[in-house]
Amino acid sequence: MDETSPLLPSGYDVAWSVAIVVGPLILVTIVVLAVVLSVRKAAVAKTTDLAPDRSASVRLAEAQDLYRRGLITADEHGEMRQRILGEV
């Protein structure tokens, strides 16, 4: 006996099966990405504390190191440089 309903379009079972598998994977990916990005931002914020007790050259070197390691973007690096140089 065929258990498919004549009221449902063909492929309906496959579509729901895919949605049930892919949906949670997308949700988990979004959550993991959000956590990774927030941890990265917190680490960068902690490392880029622009305390006045360090010289501008030391802070510029730290900013360059963060950029070189890929922890900050080129825009963030430029903003940090401007902030450091603005305090001199």
N, C-alpha and C. Protein backbone atom coordinates (compact mmCIF):
# COMPACT_ATOMS: atom_id res chain seq x y z
N MET A 1 0.85 -1.18 0.00
CA MET A 1 0.00 0.00 0.00
C MET A 1 0.89 1.24 0.00
N ASP A 2 0.58 2.16 -0.86
CA ASP A 2 1.34 3.41 -0.97
C ASP A 2 0.89 4.36 0.12
N GLU A 3 1.85 4.87 0.91
CA GLU A 3 1.50 5.73 2.04
C GLU A 3 1.59 7.21 1.72
N THR A 4 1.86 7.58 0.48
CA THR A 4 1.92 9.00 0.13
C THR A 4 0.51 9.53 -0.06
N SER A 5 0.31 10.74 0.35
CA SER A 5 -1.00 11.35 0.25
C SER A 5 -1.17 11.98 -1.13
N PRO A 6 -2.31 11.81 -1.74
CA PRO A 6 -2.54 12.43 -3.06
C PRO A 6 -2.68 13.94 -2.96
N LEU A 7 -2.85 14.46 -1.72
CA LEU A 7 -3.00 15.90 -1.55
C LEU A 7 -1.65 16.63 -1.49
N LEU A 8 -0.57 15.89 -1.26
CA LEU A 8 0.75 16.51 -1.16
C LEU A 8 1.47 16.42 -2.50
N PRO A 9 2.16 17.49 -2.89
CA PRO A 9 2.91 17.43 -4.15
C PRO A 9 4.05 16.43 -4.05
N SER A 10 4.49 15.92 -5.20
CA SER A 10 5.59 14.95 -5.19
C SER A 10 6.86 15.66 -4.73
N GLY A 11 7.68 14.95 -4.00
CA GLY A 11 8.92 15.52 -3.48
C GLY A 11 8.73 16.24 -2.15
N TYR A 12 7.53 16.29 -1.67
CA TYR A 12 7.25 16.96 -0.40
C TYR A 12 8.01 16.33 0.75
N ASP A 13 8.07 15.00 0.79
CA ASP A 13 8.79 14.29 1.85
C ASP A 13 10.28 14.62 1.80
N VAL A 14 10.83 14.65 0.61
CA VAL A 14 12.26 14.96 0.45
C VAL A 14 12.55 16.38 0.89
N ALA A 15 11.69 17.32 0.49
CA ALA A 15 11.89 18.73 0.85
C ALA A 15 11.90 18.91 2.37
N TRP A 16 10.95 18.28 3.05
CA TRP A 16 10.90 18.41 4.51
C TRP A 16 12.09 17.71 5.17
N SER A 17 12.52 16.60 4.61
CA SER A 17 13.67 15.90 5.17
C SER A 17 14.92 16.77 5.06
N VAL A 18 15.10 17.41 3.93
CA VAL A 18 16.24 18.31 3.73
C VAL A 18 16.14 19.50 4.68
N ALA A 19 14.96 20.07 4.80
CA ALA A 19 14.77 21.22 5.68
C ALA A 19 15.06 20.87 7.14
N ILE A 20 14.68 19.68 7.54
CA ILE A 20 14.90 19.25 8.92
C ILE A 20 16.39 19.07 9.21
N VAL A 21 17.16 18.68 8.21
CA VAL A 21 18.60 18.49 8.39
C VAL A 21 19.35 19.81 8.23
N VAL A 22 19.04 20.57 7.18
CA VAL A 22 19.79 21.78 6.86
C VAL A 22 19.45 22.93 7.81
N GLY A 23 18.21 23.04 8.21
CA GLY A 23 17.79 24.13 9.10
C GLY A 23 18.61 24.21 10.39
N PRO A 24 18.68 23.13 11.16
CA PRO A 24 19.49 23.17 12.38
C PRO A 24 20.98 23.40 12.11
N LEU A 25 21.49 22.88 10.99
CA LEU A 25 22.90 23.13 10.67
C LEU A 25 23.16 24.61 10.44
N ILE A 26 22.25 25.27 9.76
CA ILE A 26 22.39 26.71 9.54
C ILE A 26 22.31 27.45 10.86
N LEU A 27 21.39 27.06 11.71
CA LEU A 27 21.24 27.71 13.02
C LEU A 27 22.50 27.54 13.86
N VAL A 28 23.05 26.34 13.90
CA VAL A 28 24.28 26.09 14.66
C VAL A 28 25.43 26.90 14.09
N THR A 29 25.53 26.98 12.78
CA THR A 29 26.58 27.77 12.14
C THR A 29 26.49 29.24 12.53
N ILE A 30 25.30 29.79 12.55
CA ILE A 30 25.10 31.20 12.92
C ILE A 30 25.50 31.42 14.37
N VAL A 31 25.11 30.52 15.26
CA VAL A 31 25.45 30.67 16.67
C VAL A 31 26.97 30.58 16.88
N VAL A 32 27.61 29.61 16.24
CA VAL A 32 29.07 29.46 16.37
C VAL A 32 29.77 30.70 15.82
N LEU A 33 29.33 31.20 14.68
CA LEU A 33 29.93 32.39 14.10
C LEU A 33 29.78 33.60 15.02
N ALA A 34 28.62 33.76 15.62
CA ALA A 34 28.40 34.87 16.54
C ALA A 34 29.32 34.76 17.76
N VAL A 35 29.48 33.57 18.30
CA VAL A 35 30.36 33.38 19.46
C VAL A 35 31.81 33.67 19.08
N VAL A 36 32.25 33.14 17.94
CA VAL A 36 33.64 33.35 17.52
C VAL A 36 33.91 34.83 17.31
N LEU A 37 33.00 35.53 16.65
CA LEU A 37 33.21 36.96 16.40
C LEU A 37 33.22 37.77 17.70
N SER A 38 32.34 37.42 18.64
CA SER A 38 32.33 38.18 19.89
C SER A 38 33.59 37.90 20.72
N VAL A 39 34.06 36.67 20.71
CA VAL A 39 35.30 36.35 21.43
C VAL A 39 36.48 37.08 20.78
N ARG A 40 36.49 37.11 19.45
CA ARG A 40 37.56 37.81 18.73
C ARG A 40 37.56 39.30 19.07
N LYS A 41 36.37 39.91 19.05
CA LYS A 41 36.27 41.34 19.38
C LYS A 41 36.73 41.60 20.82
N ALA A 42 36.36 40.72 21.74
CA ALA A 42 36.76 40.90 23.13
C ALA A 42 38.28 40.77 23.28
N ALA A 43 38.87 39.82 22.56
CA ALA A 43 40.32 39.64 22.63
C ALA A 43 41.05 40.84 22.05
N VAL A 44 40.54 41.35 20.95
CA VAL A 44 41.16 42.53 20.32
C VAL A 44 41.01 43.74 21.24
N ALA A 45 39.83 43.90 21.82
CA ALA A 45 39.62 45.03 22.72
C ALA A 45 40.55 44.96 23.92
N LYS A 46 40.74 43.75 24.43
CA LYS A 46 41.62 43.58 25.58
C LYS A 46 43.07 43.85 25.21
N THR A 47 43.48 43.39 24.03
CA THR A 47 44.88 43.55 23.62
C THR A 47 45.17 44.96 23.15
N THR A 48 44.18 45.66 22.68
CA THR A 48 44.42 46.98 22.12
C THR A 48 44.13 48.10 23.11
N ASP A 49 44.17 47.78 24.36
CA ASP A 49 43.99 48.82 25.37
C ASP A 49 45.07 49.87 25.16
N LEU A 50 44.66 51.07 24.83
CA LEU A 50 45.62 52.12 24.49
C LEU A 50 46.04 52.88 25.75
N ALA A 51 46.59 52.19 26.69
CA ALA A 51 47.03 52.80 27.95
C ALA A 51 48.14 53.79 27.68
N PRO A 52 48.10 54.95 28.32
CA PRO A 52 49.11 55.98 28.07
C PRO A 52 50.50 55.64 28.61
N ASP A 53 50.62 54.59 29.43
CA ASP A 53 51.93 54.26 29.98
C ASP A 53 52.85 53.59 28.95
N ARG A 54 52.31 53.20 27.80
CA ARG A 54 53.14 52.63 26.74
C ARG A 54 53.37 53.68 25.67
N SER A 55 54.54 53.64 25.07
CA SER A 55 54.86 54.64 24.05
C SER A 55 54.04 54.37 22.79
N ALA A 56 53.94 55.43 21.98
CA ALA A 56 53.19 55.31 20.73
C ALA A 56 53.81 54.27 19.81
N SER A 57 55.12 54.19 19.80
CA SER A 57 55.77 53.22 18.91
C SER A 57 55.45 51.78 19.33
N VAL A 58 55.34 51.53 20.63
CA VAL A 58 54.99 50.20 21.12
C VAL A 58 53.55 49.88 20.73
N ARG A 59 52.64 50.83 20.91
CA ARG A 59 51.25 50.60 20.57
C ARG A 59 51.07 50.44 19.06
N LEU A 60 51.83 51.19 18.27
CA LEU A 60 51.76 51.04 16.81
C LEU A 60 52.27 49.65 16.39
N ALA A 61 53.32 49.20 17.04
CA ALA A 61 53.86 47.87 16.74
C ALA A 61 52.85 46.79 17.11
N GLU A 62 52.15 46.96 18.23
CA GLU A 62 51.13 45.99 18.63
C GLU A 62 49.97 45.98 17.64
N ALA A 63 49.57 47.17 17.19
CA ALA A 63 48.49 47.25 16.21
C ALA A 63 48.90 46.56 14.91
N GLN A 64 50.13 46.78 14.48
CA GLN A 64 50.63 46.14 13.26
C GLN A 64 50.67 44.62 13.43
N ASP A 65 51.06 44.16 14.60
CA ASP A 65 51.12 42.72 14.87
C ASP A 65 49.72 42.11 14.81
N LEU A 66 48.73 42.79 15.40
CA LEU A 66 47.36 42.29 15.35
C LEU A 66 46.86 42.20 13.91
N TYR A 67 47.19 43.21 13.11
CA TYR A 67 46.78 43.21 11.71
C TYR A 67 47.48 42.09 10.94
N ARG A 68 48.77 41.92 11.17
CA ARG A 68 49.55 40.90 10.46
C ARG A 68 49.03 39.50 10.78
N ARG A 69 48.60 39.29 12.04
CA ARG A 69 48.09 37.98 12.44
C ARG A 69 46.64 37.76 12.01
N GLY A 70 46.02 38.79 11.43
CA GLY A 70 44.65 38.65 10.95
C GLY A 70 43.59 38.81 12.02
N LEU A 71 43.95 39.37 13.16
CA LEU A 71 42.99 39.53 14.25
C LEU A 71 42.15 40.79 14.08
N ILE A 72 42.63 41.75 13.30
CA ILE A 72 41.86 42.95 13.01
C ILE A 72 41.91 43.20 11.51
N THR A 73 40.92 43.93 11.02
CA THR A 73 40.85 44.25 9.59
C THR A 73 41.74 45.45 9.29
N ALA A 74 41.89 45.74 8.01
CA ALA A 74 42.69 46.90 7.60
C ALA A 74 42.04 48.19 8.11
N ASP A 75 40.71 48.25 8.09
CA ASP A 75 40.02 49.43 8.60
C ASP A 75 40.25 49.62 10.10
N GLU A 76 40.15 48.53 10.85
CA GLU A 76 40.40 48.61 12.29
C GLU A 76 41.84 49.02 12.56
N HIS A 77 42.77 48.51 11.77
CA HIS A 77 44.18 48.86 11.92
C HIS A 77 44.36 50.36 11.66
N GLY A 78 43.74 50.86 10.61
CA GLY A 78 43.84 52.29 10.30
C GLY A 78 43.26 53.16 11.39
N GLU A 79 42.12 52.75 11.95
CA GLU A 79 41.50 53.50 13.04
C GLU A 79 42.41 53.52 14.27
N MET A 80 43.01 52.38 14.57
CA MET A 80 43.91 52.32 15.73
C MET A 80 45.11 53.23 15.52
N ARG A 81 45.67 53.19 14.32
CA ARG A 81 46.83 54.05 14.01
C ARG A 81 46.46 55.53 14.20
N GLN A 82 45.30 55.91 13.67
CA GLN A 82 44.87 57.30 13.78
C GLN A 82 44.67 57.71 15.24
N ARG A 83 44.08 56.80 16.02
CA ARG A 83 43.84 57.08 17.43
C ARG A 83 45.17 57.25 18.19
N ILE A 84 46.12 56.35 17.91
CA ILE A 84 47.41 56.40 18.58
C ILE A 84 48.17 57.65 18.17
N LEU A 85 48.19 57.92 16.88
CA LEU A 85 48.93 59.10 16.40
C LEU A 85 48.26 60.40 16.83
N GLY A 86 46.93 60.37 17.03
CA GLY A 86 46.22 61.55 17.51
C GLY A 86 46.55 61.90 18.95
N GLU A 87 47.02 60.92 19.71
CA GLU A 87 47.35 61.16 21.12
C GLU A 87 48.76 61.69 21.30
N VAL A 88 49.57 61.62 20.24
CA VAL A 88 50.97 62.03 20.35
C VAL A 88 51.07 63.53 20.32
